[in-house]
Amino acid sequence: MPKLKLFLTALITFSFVISSCDRTPSVYKIEVKPDNLVFIAEQIRLDPKVSKENMDSYVRELNYLVTLKDSLKNKTVGDLINSGNVRQLNSSIESVVSTSNRIEIANSLGFYFDKFEFAKENGQDINVAIYKLQNTSTKAIKAIKGYLDFYNGQGTLVKRYSIDISQEIPVGKLLSVKYPYGFDENNERDKLVRSDYTKFNRVWKPLMVEFKDGKKLQLLQM
């Protein structure tokens, strides 16, 4: 009898270990189809082994793929969770990189729009922007790129001016740069800005700062 009791105890323990090792929810193996989404949702709701993070990942990926033709074909719930996790990870990495570049640019370059001067060049009207650039980093800057956006009081973009300056800015130096833009008298946006540019809110949107030593800080185009 003691041997039988010992055997049964060992068998129960072994069964528990085996069942504990298989922690993958069975719903993960179900193929996702356009007509079984509610069924899958119910299975996920009833299965306590499905984590909130995986639920969120499944929903995000489902919303993303459902708009793409045949994108759900031969994919299981587990496939969607895995691809959703990868997509979320890549998005988080991009966010970390973008935020880091943005903060470093802000700490490296002070950008100020001073005013517009109106002039003519080869008989054509031009707007000459006066920009002030200050190198607040610890090394010389050799080039910058970005946009200066003009917004009206309702937050609508009225005019975007591209900026691409290749000029050395020594550490601590405040540089004044004249940057010409063509003026089109038939363009309503051009006329709005020229009539009274001071009434518009102006936003500097950097894209790139390159240093003399070759280091380059970049943001995705906005």
N, C-alpha and C. Protein backbone atom coordinates (compact mmCIF):
# COMPACT_ATOMS: atom_id res chain seq x y z
N MET A 1 0.82 -1.23 0.00
CA MET A 1 0.00 0.00 0.00
C MET A 1 0.85 1.27 0.00
N PRO A 2 1.93 1.35 0.84
CA PRO A 2 2.78 2.55 0.81
C PRO A 2 3.38 2.80 -0.56
N LYS A 3 3.77 1.66 -1.25
CA LYS A 3 4.36 1.83 -2.58
C LYS A 3 3.34 2.39 -3.57
N LEU A 4 2.09 1.91 -3.47
CA LEU A 4 1.02 2.39 -4.34
C LEU A 4 0.76 3.87 -4.09
N LYS A 5 0.74 4.23 -2.82
CA LYS A 5 0.51 5.63 -2.44
C LYS A 5 1.63 6.51 -2.98
N LEU A 6 2.86 6.02 -2.89
CA LEU A 6 4.01 6.77 -3.39
C LEU A 6 3.93 6.93 -4.90
N PHE A 7 3.48 5.84 -5.59
CA PHE A 7 3.34 5.86 -7.05
C PHE A 7 2.30 6.89 -7.49
N LEU A 8 1.14 6.87 -6.78
CA LEU A 8 0.07 7.80 -7.13
C LEU A 8 0.49 9.25 -6.88
N THR A 9 1.22 9.47 -5.81
CA THR A 9 1.70 10.82 -5.50
C THR A 9 2.65 11.30 -6.59
N ALA A 10 3.55 10.40 -7.01
CA ALA A 10 4.51 10.75 -8.06
C ALA A 10 3.79 11.02 -9.38
N LEU A 11 2.74 10.21 -9.68
CA LEU A 11 1.98 10.38 -10.92
C LEU A 11 1.26 11.72 -10.94
N ILE A 12 0.63 12.07 -9.80
CA ILE A 12 -0.08 13.35 -9.71
C ILE A 12 0.89 14.51 -9.86
N THR A 13 2.04 14.39 -9.19
CA THR A 13 3.06 15.45 -9.28
C THR A 13 3.55 15.62 -10.70
N PHE A 14 3.81 14.48 -11.39
CA PHE A 14 4.28 14.52 -12.77
C PHE A 14 3.24 15.17 -13.68
N SER A 15 1.97 14.81 -13.48
CA SER A 15 0.88 15.37 -14.28
C SER A 15 0.79 16.87 -14.08
N PHE A 16 0.98 17.32 -12.84
CA PHE A 16 0.93 18.76 -12.53
C PHE A 16 2.05 19.50 -13.23
N VAL A 17 3.25 18.91 -13.22
CA VAL A 17 4.41 19.54 -13.87
C VAL A 17 4.17 19.67 -15.36
N ILE A 18 3.66 18.58 -15.96
CA ILE A 18 3.40 18.59 -17.41
C ILE A 18 2.37 19.65 -17.76
N SER A 19 1.27 19.71 -16.98
CA SER A 19 0.22 20.68 -17.28
C SER A 19 0.72 22.10 -17.04
N SER A 20 1.63 22.28 -16.05
CA SER A 20 2.16 23.61 -15.75
C SER A 20 3.05 24.10 -16.87
N CYS A 21 3.75 23.15 -17.52
CA CYS A 21 4.66 23.54 -18.61
C CYS A 21 3.89 24.05 -19.82
N ASP A 22 2.67 23.49 -20.03
CA ASP A 22 1.87 23.92 -21.18
C ASP A 22 0.99 25.09 -20.78
N ARG A 23 1.56 26.27 -20.78
CA ARG A 23 0.83 27.45 -20.35
C ARG A 23 0.29 28.25 -21.53
N THR A 24 0.50 27.75 -22.74
CA THR A 24 0.01 28.47 -23.91
C THR A 24 -1.50 28.31 -24.01
N PRO A 25 -2.26 29.40 -23.95
CA PRO A 25 -3.73 29.29 -24.06
C PRO A 25 -4.14 28.64 -25.37
N SER A 26 -5.12 27.76 -25.32
CA SER A 26 -5.56 27.03 -26.52
C SER A 26 -6.12 27.97 -27.58
N VAL A 27 -6.65 29.12 -27.17
CA VAL A 27 -7.22 30.06 -28.13
C VAL A 27 -6.15 30.59 -29.09
N TYR A 28 -4.90 30.55 -28.69
CA TYR A 28 -3.82 31.05 -29.55
C TYR A 28 -3.69 30.23 -30.83
N LYS A 29 -4.17 28.98 -30.81
CA LYS A 29 -4.04 28.10 -31.97
C LYS A 29 -5.19 28.23 -32.96
N ILE A 30 -6.21 29.01 -32.61
CA ILE A 30 -7.37 29.15 -33.49
C ILE A 30 -7.04 30.06 -34.67
N GLU A 31 -7.38 29.62 -35.88
CA GLU A 31 -7.16 30.46 -37.07
C GLU A 31 -8.18 31.60 -37.09
N VAL A 32 -7.69 32.76 -37.38
CA VAL A 32 -8.55 33.95 -37.39
C VAL A 32 -9.22 34.07 -38.76
N LYS A 33 -10.56 34.16 -38.72
CA LYS A 33 -11.33 34.31 -39.96
C LYS A 33 -12.35 35.43 -39.78
N PRO A 34 -12.81 35.99 -40.88
CA PRO A 34 -13.77 37.10 -40.78
C PRO A 34 -15.05 36.75 -40.03
N ASP A 35 -15.41 35.43 -39.98
CA ASP A 35 -16.69 35.05 -39.37
C ASP A 35 -16.54 34.36 -38.01
N ASN A 36 -15.32 34.38 -37.43
CA ASN A 36 -15.19 33.76 -36.10
C ASN A 36 -14.55 34.71 -35.08
N LEU A 37 -14.58 36.00 -35.39
CA LEU A 37 -13.94 36.98 -34.51
C LEU A 37 -14.63 37.07 -33.15
N VAL A 38 -15.96 37.02 -33.15
CA VAL A 38 -16.71 37.10 -31.89
C VAL A 38 -16.47 35.84 -31.06
N PHE A 39 -16.41 34.69 -31.73
CA PHE A 39 -16.13 33.43 -31.03
C PHE A 39 -14.76 33.49 -30.36
N ILE A 40 -13.77 34.00 -31.10
CA ILE A 40 -12.41 34.13 -30.54
C ILE A 40 -12.42 35.08 -29.35
N ALA A 41 -13.13 36.18 -29.48
CA ALA A 41 -13.21 37.15 -28.39
C ALA A 41 -13.78 36.51 -27.12
N GLU A 42 -14.79 35.66 -27.30
CA GLU A 42 -15.40 34.99 -26.15
C GLU A 42 -14.41 34.02 -25.51
N GLN A 43 -13.65 33.30 -26.34
CA GLN A 43 -12.65 32.37 -25.82
C GLN A 43 -11.55 33.12 -25.05
N ILE A 44 -11.16 34.27 -25.57
CA ILE A 44 -10.16 35.08 -24.88
C ILE A 44 -10.70 35.57 -23.54
N ARG A 45 -11.96 35.96 -23.53
CA ARG A 45 -12.58 36.46 -22.31
C ARG A 45 -12.64 35.39 -21.23
N LEU A 46 -12.86 34.16 -21.64
CA LEU A 46 -13.03 33.07 -20.69
C LEU A 46 -11.72 32.42 -20.25
N ASP A 47 -10.62 32.77 -20.90
CA ASP A 47 -9.33 32.12 -20.60
C ASP A 47 -8.48 33.04 -19.73
N PRO A 48 -8.30 32.71 -18.45
CA PRO A 48 -7.54 33.56 -17.54
C PRO A 48 -6.04 33.58 -17.85
N LYS A 49 -5.58 32.68 -18.73
CA LYS A 49 -4.15 32.63 -19.05
C LYS A 49 -3.75 33.66 -20.11
N VAL A 50 -4.74 34.29 -20.74
CA VAL A 50 -4.44 35.33 -21.74
C VAL A 50 -4.17 36.64 -21.01
N SER A 51 -2.95 37.15 -21.15
CA SER A 51 -2.58 38.38 -20.45
C SER A 51 -3.20 39.60 -21.11
N LYS A 52 -3.33 40.67 -20.33
CA LYS A 52 -3.86 41.92 -20.87
C LYS A 52 -2.99 42.43 -22.01
N GLU A 53 -1.66 42.31 -21.84
CA GLU A 53 -0.74 42.78 -22.88
C GLU A 53 -0.98 42.06 -24.20
N ASN A 54 -1.20 40.74 -24.13
CA ASN A 54 -1.45 39.98 -25.36
C ASN A 54 -2.83 40.28 -25.94
N MET A 55 -3.81 40.53 -25.07
CA MET A 55 -5.12 40.96 -25.58
C MET A 55 -4.98 42.26 -26.36
N ASP A 56 -4.26 43.23 -25.78
CA ASP A 56 -4.08 44.52 -26.44
C ASP A 56 -3.34 44.35 -27.76
N SER A 57 -2.32 43.49 -27.75
CA SER A 57 -1.55 43.26 -28.97
C SER A 57 -2.41 42.63 -30.06
N TYR A 58 -3.24 41.67 -29.68
CA TYR A 58 -4.14 41.01 -30.63
C TYR A 58 -5.11 42.02 -31.26
N VAL A 59 -5.70 42.87 -30.42
CA VAL A 59 -6.67 43.86 -30.92
C VAL A 59 -5.99 44.87 -31.85
N ARG A 60 -4.79 45.34 -31.46
CA ARG A 60 -4.08 46.31 -32.31
C ARG A 60 -3.78 45.70 -33.68
N GLU A 61 -3.30 44.46 -33.67
CA GLU A 61 -2.94 43.82 -34.94
C GLU A 61 -4.17 43.50 -35.77
N LEU A 62 -5.25 43.12 -35.10
CA LEU A 62 -6.50 42.84 -35.81
C LEU A 62 -7.00 44.10 -36.50
N ASN A 63 -6.98 45.22 -35.81
CA ASN A 63 -7.41 46.50 -36.40
C ASN A 63 -6.52 46.89 -37.56
N TYR A 64 -5.23 46.59 -37.45
CA TYR A 64 -4.29 46.94 -38.52
C TYR A 64 -4.48 46.06 -39.75
N LEU A 65 -4.60 44.76 -39.54
CA LEU A 65 -4.64 43.81 -40.66
C LEU A 65 -5.99 43.74 -41.35
N VAL A 66 -7.07 44.03 -40.63
CA VAL A 66 -8.40 43.86 -41.20
C VAL A 66 -8.63 44.78 -42.40
N THR A 67 -7.85 45.87 -42.49
CA THR A 67 -8.00 46.80 -43.61
C THR A 67 -7.20 46.35 -44.84
N LEU A 68 -6.38 45.31 -44.69
CA LEU A 68 -5.54 44.82 -45.79
C LEU A 68 -6.13 43.54 -46.34
N LYS A 69 -6.31 43.48 -47.64
CA LYS A 69 -6.95 42.34 -48.29
C LYS A 69 -6.17 41.05 -48.04
N ASP A 70 -6.89 40.00 -47.61
CA ASP A 70 -6.34 38.67 -47.37
C ASP A 70 -5.23 38.64 -46.32
N SER A 71 -5.13 39.69 -45.50
CA SER A 71 -4.03 39.75 -44.53
C SER A 71 -4.22 38.77 -43.36
N LEU A 72 -5.46 38.31 -43.13
CA LEU A 72 -5.72 37.39 -42.03
C LEU A 72 -5.61 35.92 -42.46
N LYS A 73 -5.43 35.68 -43.72
CA LYS A 73 -5.44 34.31 -44.25
C LYS A 73 -4.34 33.46 -43.60
N ASN A 74 -4.73 32.30 -43.09
CA ASN A 74 -3.82 31.33 -42.48
C ASN A 74 -3.11 31.84 -41.22
N LYS A 75 -3.64 32.88 -40.60
CA LYS A 75 -3.03 33.42 -39.38
C LYS A 75 -3.86 33.02 -38.16
N THR A 76 -3.16 32.60 -37.11
CA THR A 76 -3.83 32.24 -35.87
C THR A 76 -3.82 33.43 -34.92
N VAL A 77 -4.55 33.27 -33.82
CA VAL A 77 -4.55 34.31 -32.79
C VAL A 77 -3.13 34.55 -32.29
N GLY A 78 -2.38 33.45 -32.11
CA GLY A 78 -0.99 33.56 -31.66
C GLY A 78 -0.12 34.31 -32.66
N ASP A 79 -0.37 34.08 -33.96
CA ASP A 79 0.38 34.80 -35.00
C ASP A 79 0.15 36.30 -34.88
N LEU A 80 -1.11 36.68 -34.68
CA LEU A 80 -1.44 38.11 -34.57
C LEU A 80 -0.82 38.72 -33.32
N ILE A 81 -0.83 37.97 -32.23
CA ILE A 81 -0.22 38.48 -31.00
C ILE A 81 1.28 38.69 -31.20
N ASN A 82 1.93 37.71 -31.83
CA ASN A 82 3.38 37.82 -32.04
C ASN A 82 3.74 38.98 -32.96
N SER A 83 3.04 39.09 -34.09
CA SER A 83 3.34 40.18 -35.02
C SER A 83 2.98 41.53 -34.41
N GLY A 84 1.90 41.54 -33.59
CA GLY A 84 1.52 42.77 -32.91
C GLY A 84 2.56 43.20 -31.90
N ASN A 85 3.13 42.23 -31.19
CA ASN A 85 4.19 42.54 -30.22
C ASN A 85 5.42 43.10 -30.92
N VAL A 86 5.77 42.51 -32.07
CA VAL A 86 6.92 43.00 -32.83
C VAL A 86 6.67 44.42 -33.33
N ARG A 87 5.46 44.65 -33.85
CA ARG A 87 5.12 45.97 -34.37
C ARG A 87 5.15 47.02 -33.24
N GLN A 88 4.63 46.64 -32.07
CA GLN A 88 4.63 47.56 -30.94
C GLN A 88 6.05 47.83 -30.46
N LEU A 89 6.89 46.80 -30.45
CA LEU A 89 8.29 46.98 -30.04
C LEU A 89 9.01 47.92 -30.99
N ASN A 90 8.81 47.72 -32.30
CA ASN A 90 9.45 48.60 -33.28
C ASN A 90 8.97 50.03 -33.14
N SER A 91 7.67 50.19 -32.86
CA SER A 91 7.12 51.52 -32.66
C SER A 91 7.73 52.19 -31.44
N SER A 92 7.91 51.41 -30.37
CA SER A 92 8.50 51.95 -29.15
C SER A 92 9.96 52.35 -29.38
N ILE A 93 10.68 51.52 -30.14
CA ILE A 93 12.08 51.83 -30.45
C ILE A 93 12.16 53.12 -31.25
N GLU A 94 11.29 53.26 -32.26
CA GLU A 94 11.27 54.48 -33.07
C GLU A 94 10.95 55.70 -32.21
N SER A 95 10.05 55.52 -31.25
CA SER A 95 9.68 56.62 -30.37
C SER A 95 10.86 57.04 -29.49
N VAL A 96 11.60 56.05 -28.99
CA VAL A 96 12.78 56.34 -28.17
C VAL A 96 13.82 57.09 -28.99
N VAL A 97 14.07 56.61 -30.21
CA VAL A 97 15.07 57.25 -31.07
C VAL A 97 14.65 58.66 -31.43
N SER A 98 13.38 58.83 -31.83
CA SER A 98 12.87 60.14 -32.23
C SER A 98 12.92 61.14 -31.08
N THR A 99 12.47 60.70 -29.90
CA THR A 99 12.46 61.58 -28.73
C THR A 99 13.88 61.99 -28.35
N SER A 100 14.81 61.03 -28.39
CA SER A 100 16.20 61.31 -28.04
C SER A 100 16.82 62.32 -29.01
N ASN A 101 16.57 62.14 -30.32
CA ASN A 101 17.08 63.08 -31.31
C ASN A 101 16.48 64.47 -31.12
N ARG A 102 15.16 64.51 -30.87
CA ARG A 102 14.49 65.80 -30.69
C ARG A 102 15.05 66.57 -29.50
N ILE A 103 15.27 65.86 -28.39
CA ILE A 103 15.78 66.52 -27.19
C ILE A 103 17.22 66.99 -27.40
N GLU A 104 18.04 66.15 -28.05
CA GLU A 104 19.43 66.55 -28.31
C GLU A 104 19.49 67.76 -29.24
N ILE A 105 18.60 67.79 -30.25
CA ILE A 105 18.57 68.95 -31.16
C ILE A 105 18.19 70.20 -30.39
N ALA A 106 17.16 70.08 -29.54
CA ALA A 106 16.71 71.24 -28.76
C ALA A 106 17.81 71.75 -27.83
N ASN A 107 18.65 70.84 -27.33
CA ASN A 107 19.74 71.23 -26.43
C ASN A 107 20.98 71.69 -27.18
N SER A 108 20.99 71.51 -28.51
CA SER A 108 22.17 71.85 -29.30
C SER A 108 22.02 73.13 -30.10
N LEU A 109 20.77 73.46 -30.46
CA LEU A 109 20.55 74.58 -31.37
C LEU A 109 19.39 75.46 -30.92
N GLY A 110 19.68 76.73 -30.77
CA GLY A 110 18.64 77.71 -30.56
C GLY A 110 18.26 78.33 -31.89
N PHE A 111 16.99 78.24 -32.28
CA PHE A 111 16.55 78.76 -33.58
C PHE A 111 15.50 79.85 -33.35
N TYR A 112 15.72 81.00 -33.98
CA TYR A 112 14.81 82.13 -33.79
C TYR A 112 14.52 82.78 -35.14
N PHE A 113 13.24 83.03 -35.39
CA PHE A 113 12.85 83.82 -36.56
C PHE A 113 12.75 85.27 -36.12
N ASP A 114 13.49 86.16 -36.78
CA ASP A 114 13.51 87.58 -36.41
C ASP A 114 12.43 88.35 -37.17
N LYS A 115 12.54 88.35 -38.50
CA LYS A 115 11.60 89.12 -39.30
C LYS A 115 11.74 88.77 -40.77
N PHE A 116 10.83 89.33 -41.59
CA PHE A 116 10.93 89.27 -43.04
C PHE A 116 11.35 90.64 -43.56
N GLU A 117 12.21 90.62 -44.55
CA GLU A 117 12.50 91.82 -45.33
C GLU A 117 12.01 91.56 -46.74
N PHE A 118 11.34 92.54 -47.34
CA PHE A 118 10.79 92.37 -48.68
C PHE A 118 11.68 93.08 -49.68
N ALA A 119 12.05 92.35 -50.74
CA ALA A 119 13.00 92.90 -51.70
C ALA A 119 12.69 92.37 -53.09
N LYS A 120 13.54 92.73 -54.05
CA LYS A 120 13.43 92.24 -55.42
C LYS A 120 14.75 91.64 -55.83
N GLU A 121 14.66 90.60 -56.62
CA GLU A 121 15.86 89.94 -57.14
C GLU A 121 15.60 89.58 -58.59
N ASN A 122 16.41 90.15 -59.48
CA ASN A 122 16.20 89.96 -60.92
C ASN A 122 14.79 90.34 -61.35
N GLY A 123 14.29 91.41 -60.73
CA GLY A 123 12.97 91.91 -61.08
C GLY A 123 11.82 91.17 -60.43
N GLN A 124 12.12 90.16 -59.62
CA GLN A 124 11.08 89.37 -58.98
C GLN A 124 11.02 89.69 -57.48
N ASP A 125 9.78 89.75 -56.94
CA ASP A 125 9.62 89.98 -55.51
C ASP A 125 10.10 88.75 -54.72
N ILE A 126 10.80 89.00 -53.63
CA ILE A 126 11.23 87.91 -52.75
C ILE A 126 11.00 88.31 -51.29
N ASN A 127 10.82 87.31 -50.46
CA ASN A 127 10.77 87.50 -49.02
C ASN A 127 12.09 87.01 -48.44
N VAL A 128 12.76 87.84 -47.69
CA VAL A 128 14.03 87.45 -47.10
C VAL A 128 13.82 87.27 -45.58
N ALA A 129 13.89 86.01 -45.14
CA ALA A 129 13.74 85.72 -43.72
C ALA A 129 15.07 85.94 -43.01
N ILE A 130 15.00 86.53 -41.84
CA ILE A 130 16.19 86.71 -41.01
C ILE A 130 16.10 85.70 -39.87
N TYR A 131 17.00 84.73 -39.90
CA TYR A 131 17.05 83.70 -38.86
C TYR A 131 18.25 83.92 -37.96
N LYS A 132 18.07 83.67 -36.68
CA LYS A 132 19.18 83.71 -35.74
C LYS A 132 19.39 82.30 -35.20
N LEU A 133 20.61 81.81 -35.33
CA LEU A 133 20.95 80.45 -34.94
C LEU A 133 22.01 80.50 -33.85
N GLN A 134 21.74 79.82 -32.75
CA GLN A 134 22.71 79.80 -31.65
C GLN A 134 23.13 78.38 -31.34
N ASN A 135 24.44 78.15 -31.36
CA ASN A 135 24.98 76.83 -31.06
C ASN A 135 25.11 76.70 -29.54
N THR A 136 24.24 75.92 -28.95
CA THR A 136 24.25 75.71 -27.50
C THR A 136 24.83 74.35 -27.13
N SER A 137 25.48 73.70 -28.10
CA SER A 137 26.09 72.39 -27.86
C SER A 137 27.55 72.55 -27.44
N THR A 138 28.27 71.44 -27.41
CA THR A 138 29.68 71.48 -27.02
C THR A 138 30.63 71.32 -28.21
N LYS A 139 30.07 71.33 -29.43
CA LYS A 139 30.92 71.22 -30.61
C LYS A 139 30.30 71.98 -31.78
N ALA A 140 31.12 72.31 -32.75
CA ALA A 140 30.68 73.14 -33.87
C ALA A 140 29.62 72.44 -34.72
N ILE A 141 28.64 73.22 -35.14
CA ILE A 141 27.59 72.74 -36.05
C ILE A 141 27.94 73.17 -37.46
N LYS A 142 27.71 72.28 -38.43
CA LYS A 142 28.06 72.61 -39.82
C LYS A 142 26.84 72.76 -40.73
N ALA A 143 25.69 72.18 -40.34
CA ALA A 143 24.51 72.27 -41.21
C ALA A 143 23.24 71.98 -40.41
N ILE A 144 22.14 72.60 -40.86
CA ILE A 144 20.83 72.34 -40.25
C ILE A 144 19.77 72.26 -41.35
N LYS A 145 18.72 71.50 -41.07
CA LYS A 145 17.56 71.44 -41.96
C LYS A 145 16.30 71.44 -41.11
N GLY A 146 15.24 72.00 -41.68
CA GLY A 146 13.97 72.00 -40.97
C GLY A 146 12.92 72.82 -41.68
N TYR A 147 11.85 73.14 -40.96
CA TYR A 147 10.77 73.95 -41.49
C TYR A 147 10.42 75.06 -40.50
N LEU A 148 9.94 76.16 -41.05
CA LEU A 148 9.29 77.17 -40.22
C LEU A 148 7.85 77.25 -40.70
N ASP A 149 6.93 76.88 -39.83
CA ASP A 149 5.51 76.85 -40.17
C ASP A 149 4.78 78.06 -39.60
N PHE A 150 3.89 78.64 -40.42
CA PHE A 150 3.06 79.77 -39.99
C PHE A 150 1.62 79.26 -39.84
N TYR A 151 1.05 79.46 -38.65
CA TYR A 151 -0.32 79.02 -38.37
C TYR A 151 -1.21 80.21 -38.03
N ASN A 152 -2.48 80.11 -38.46
CA ASN A 152 -3.41 81.17 -38.07
C ASN A 152 -3.96 80.90 -36.67
N GLY A 153 -4.85 81.74 -36.19
CA GLY A 153 -5.38 81.62 -34.84
C GLY A 153 -6.17 80.36 -34.60
N GLN A 154 -6.64 79.71 -35.67
CA GLN A 154 -7.41 78.47 -35.53
C GLN A 154 -6.53 77.23 -35.59
N GLY A 155 -5.22 77.44 -35.70
CA GLY A 155 -4.28 76.32 -35.74
C GLY A 155 -4.12 75.69 -37.11
N THR A 156 -4.59 76.38 -38.16
CA THR A 156 -4.46 75.88 -39.53
C THR A 156 -3.14 76.34 -40.14
N LEU A 157 -2.43 75.39 -40.77
CA LEU A 157 -1.17 75.74 -41.41
C LEU A 157 -1.43 76.64 -42.60
N VAL A 158 -0.82 77.82 -42.58
CA VAL A 158 -0.98 78.79 -43.67
C VAL A 158 0.17 78.69 -44.66
N LYS A 159 1.39 78.57 -44.14
CA LYS A 159 2.55 78.54 -45.03
C LYS A 159 3.70 77.80 -44.36
N ARG A 160 4.38 76.97 -45.12
CA ARG A 160 5.57 76.25 -44.64
C ARG A 160 6.78 76.71 -45.44
N TYR A 161 7.82 77.09 -44.73
CA TYR A 161 9.07 77.51 -45.36
C TYR A 161 10.17 76.49 -45.03
N SER A 162 10.78 75.95 -46.08
CA SER A 162 11.88 75.00 -45.88
C SER A 162 13.17 75.74 -45.56
N ILE A 163 13.98 75.12 -44.72
CA ILE A 163 15.25 75.71 -44.31
C ILE A 163 16.35 74.67 -44.49
N ASP A 164 17.39 75.03 -45.22
CA ASP A 164 18.54 74.14 -45.46
C ASP A 164 19.79 75.02 -45.46
N ILE A 165 20.46 75.08 -44.32
CA ILE A 165 21.60 75.98 -44.16
C ILE A 165 22.87 75.18 -43.91
N SER A 166 23.86 75.38 -44.76
CA SER A 166 25.18 74.76 -44.58
C SER A 166 26.17 75.87 -44.26
N GLN A 167 26.35 76.12 -43.01
CA GLN A 167 27.23 77.19 -42.55
C GLN A 167 27.69 76.86 -41.13
N GLU A 168 28.98 76.96 -40.91
CA GLU A 168 29.50 76.59 -39.60
C GLU A 168 29.03 77.57 -38.52
N ILE A 169 28.59 76.98 -37.40
CA ILE A 169 28.20 77.76 -36.24
C ILE A 169 29.08 77.30 -35.08
N PRO A 170 30.08 78.09 -34.70
CA PRO A 170 30.97 77.69 -33.60
C PRO A 170 30.22 77.56 -32.28
N VAL A 171 30.81 76.85 -31.35
CA VAL A 171 30.21 76.65 -30.03
C VAL A 171 29.95 78.00 -29.36
N GLY A 172 28.71 78.19 -28.89
CA GLY A 172 28.34 79.41 -28.19
C GLY A 172 28.05 80.60 -29.10
N LYS A 173 28.25 80.45 -30.40
CA LYS A 173 28.09 81.56 -31.34
C LYS A 173 26.62 81.77 -31.71
N LEU A 174 26.22 83.04 -31.79
CA LEU A 174 24.89 83.41 -32.29
C LEU A 174 25.06 83.96 -33.69
N LEU A 175 24.50 83.28 -34.66
CA LEU A 175 24.69 83.62 -36.07
C LEU A 175 23.40 84.15 -36.67
N SER A 176 23.49 85.25 -37.42
CA SER A 176 22.33 85.81 -38.12
C SER A 176 22.45 85.45 -39.60
N VAL A 177 21.38 84.83 -40.13
CA VAL A 177 21.40 84.35 -41.51
C VAL A 177 20.22 84.92 -42.28
N LYS A 178 20.49 85.43 -43.48
CA LYS A 178 19.43 85.88 -44.38
C LYS A 178 19.10 84.75 -45.34
N TYR A 179 17.80 84.41 -45.42
CA TYR A 179 17.38 83.27 -46.23
C TYR A 179 16.25 83.71 -47.15
N PRO A 180 16.51 83.79 -48.47
CA PRO A 180 15.49 84.30 -49.42
C PRO A 180 14.48 83.23 -49.85
N TYR A 181 13.24 83.67 -50.03
CA TYR A 181 12.17 82.82 -50.55
C TYR A 181 11.46 83.57 -51.67
N GLY A 182 11.08 82.84 -52.71
CA GLY A 182 10.33 83.45 -53.79
C GLY A 182 8.93 83.85 -53.33
N PHE A 183 8.40 84.90 -53.94
CA PHE A 183 7.05 85.36 -53.62
C PHE A 183 6.19 85.27 -54.87
N ASP A 184 5.04 84.60 -54.75
CA ASP A 184 4.11 84.43 -55.86
C ASP A 184 2.87 85.28 -55.58
N GLU A 185 2.70 86.34 -56.35
CA GLU A 185 1.56 87.25 -56.10
C GLU A 185 0.23 86.59 -56.40
N ASN A 186 0.23 85.44 -57.08
CA ASN A 186 -1.01 84.72 -57.37
C ASN A 186 -1.31 83.64 -56.33
N ASN A 187 -0.42 83.51 -55.36
CA ASN A 187 -0.60 82.51 -54.31
C ASN A 187 -1.19 83.18 -53.07
N GLU A 188 -2.40 82.76 -52.69
CA GLU A 188 -3.09 83.38 -51.57
C GLU A 188 -2.32 83.24 -50.27
N ARG A 189 -1.67 82.12 -50.08
CA ARG A 189 -0.92 81.89 -48.85
C ARG A 189 0.28 82.83 -48.78
N ASP A 190 0.95 83.01 -49.90
CA ASP A 190 2.07 83.96 -49.94
C ASP A 190 1.60 85.36 -49.58
N LYS A 191 0.45 85.74 -50.13
CA LYS A 191 -0.07 87.09 -49.89
C LYS A 191 -0.50 87.27 -48.43
N LEU A 192 -1.06 86.22 -47.85
CA LEU A 192 -1.48 86.30 -46.45
C LEU A 192 -0.29 86.57 -45.53
N VAL A 193 0.78 85.83 -45.75
CA VAL A 193 1.97 86.00 -44.91
C VAL A 193 2.59 87.36 -45.13
N ARG A 194 2.65 87.79 -46.38
CA ARG A 194 3.32 89.06 -46.67
C ARG A 194 2.51 90.24 -46.17
N SER A 195 1.19 90.11 -46.12
CA SER A 195 0.35 91.23 -45.69
C SER A 195 0.61 91.59 -44.23
N ASP A 196 0.79 90.56 -43.38
CA ASP A 196 1.12 90.83 -41.97
C ASP A 196 1.57 89.53 -41.32
N TYR A 197 2.83 89.18 -41.49
CA TYR A 197 3.34 87.91 -40.98
C TYR A 197 3.37 87.87 -39.45
N THR A 198 3.34 89.03 -38.80
CA THR A 198 3.44 89.06 -37.33
C THR A 198 2.18 88.52 -36.64
N LYS A 199 1.08 88.44 -37.36
CA LYS A 199 -0.16 87.98 -36.72
C LYS A 199 -0.26 86.45 -36.68
N PHE A 200 0.69 85.77 -37.32
CA PHE A 200 0.66 84.30 -37.37
C PHE A 200 1.57 83.70 -36.31
N ASN A 201 1.14 82.57 -35.76
CA ASN A 201 2.00 81.82 -34.84
C ASN A 201 3.05 81.07 -35.66
N ARG A 202 4.27 81.09 -35.19
CA ARG A 202 5.36 80.48 -35.94
C ARG A 202 5.97 79.32 -35.14
N VAL A 203 6.17 78.19 -35.82
CA VAL A 203 6.70 77.00 -35.16
C VAL A 203 7.89 76.46 -35.94
N TRP A 204 9.02 76.37 -35.26
CA TRP A 204 10.24 75.79 -35.85
C TRP A 204 10.20 74.28 -35.68
N LYS A 205 10.34 73.56 -36.81
CA LYS A 205 10.33 72.10 -36.80
C LYS A 205 11.64 71.58 -37.39
N PRO A 206 12.59 71.25 -36.53
CA PRO A 206 13.88 70.77 -37.03
C PRO A 206 13.78 69.38 -37.64
N LEU A 207 14.60 69.13 -38.63
CA LEU A 207 14.71 67.81 -39.23
C LEU A 207 16.10 67.22 -39.04
N MET A 208 17.13 68.09 -39.05
CA MET A 208 18.49 67.58 -38.98
C MET A 208 19.44 68.64 -38.46
N VAL A 209 20.35 68.22 -37.60
CA VAL A 209 21.48 69.05 -37.19
C VAL A 209 22.73 68.20 -37.37
N GLU A 210 23.69 68.71 -38.16
CA GLU A 210 24.94 67.98 -38.40
C GLU A 210 26.09 68.75 -37.80
N PHE A 211 26.93 68.02 -37.09
CA PHE A 211 28.07 68.64 -36.43
C PHE A 211 29.33 68.49 -37.28
N LYS A 212 30.31 69.31 -36.97
CA LYS A 212 31.55 69.33 -37.76
C LYS A 212 32.30 68.01 -37.66
N ASP A 213 32.13 67.31 -36.54
CA ASP A 213 32.84 66.03 -36.36
C ASP A 213 32.13 64.87 -37.04
N GLY A 214 31.02 65.14 -37.75
CA GLY A 214 30.32 64.10 -38.50
C GLY A 214 29.06 63.56 -37.82
N LYS A 215 28.89 63.85 -36.56
CA LYS A 215 27.68 63.39 -35.86
C LYS A 215 26.46 64.08 -36.47
N LYS A 216 25.38 63.30 -36.61
CA LYS A 216 24.17 63.85 -37.23
C LYS A 216 22.94 63.45 -36.40
N LEU A 217 22.14 64.44 -36.03
CA LEU A 217 20.88 64.20 -35.35
C LEU A 217 19.75 64.40 -36.36
N GLN A 218 18.85 63.42 -36.46
CA GLN A 218 17.80 63.50 -37.49
C GLN A 218 16.44 63.12 -36.92
N LEU A 219 15.41 63.77 -37.47
CA LEU A 219 14.04 63.43 -37.15
C LEU A 219 13.33 63.07 -38.45
N LEU A 220 12.27 62.26 -38.35
CA LEU A 220 11.48 61.92 -39.52
C LEU A 220 10.80 63.17 -40.04
N GLN A 221 10.65 63.23 -41.37
CA GLN A 221 10.00 64.39 -41.98
C GLN A 221 8.57 64.51 -41.50
N MET A 222 8.16 65.74 -41.15
CA MET A 222 6.81 65.99 -40.62
C MET A 222 5.95 66.68 -41.65
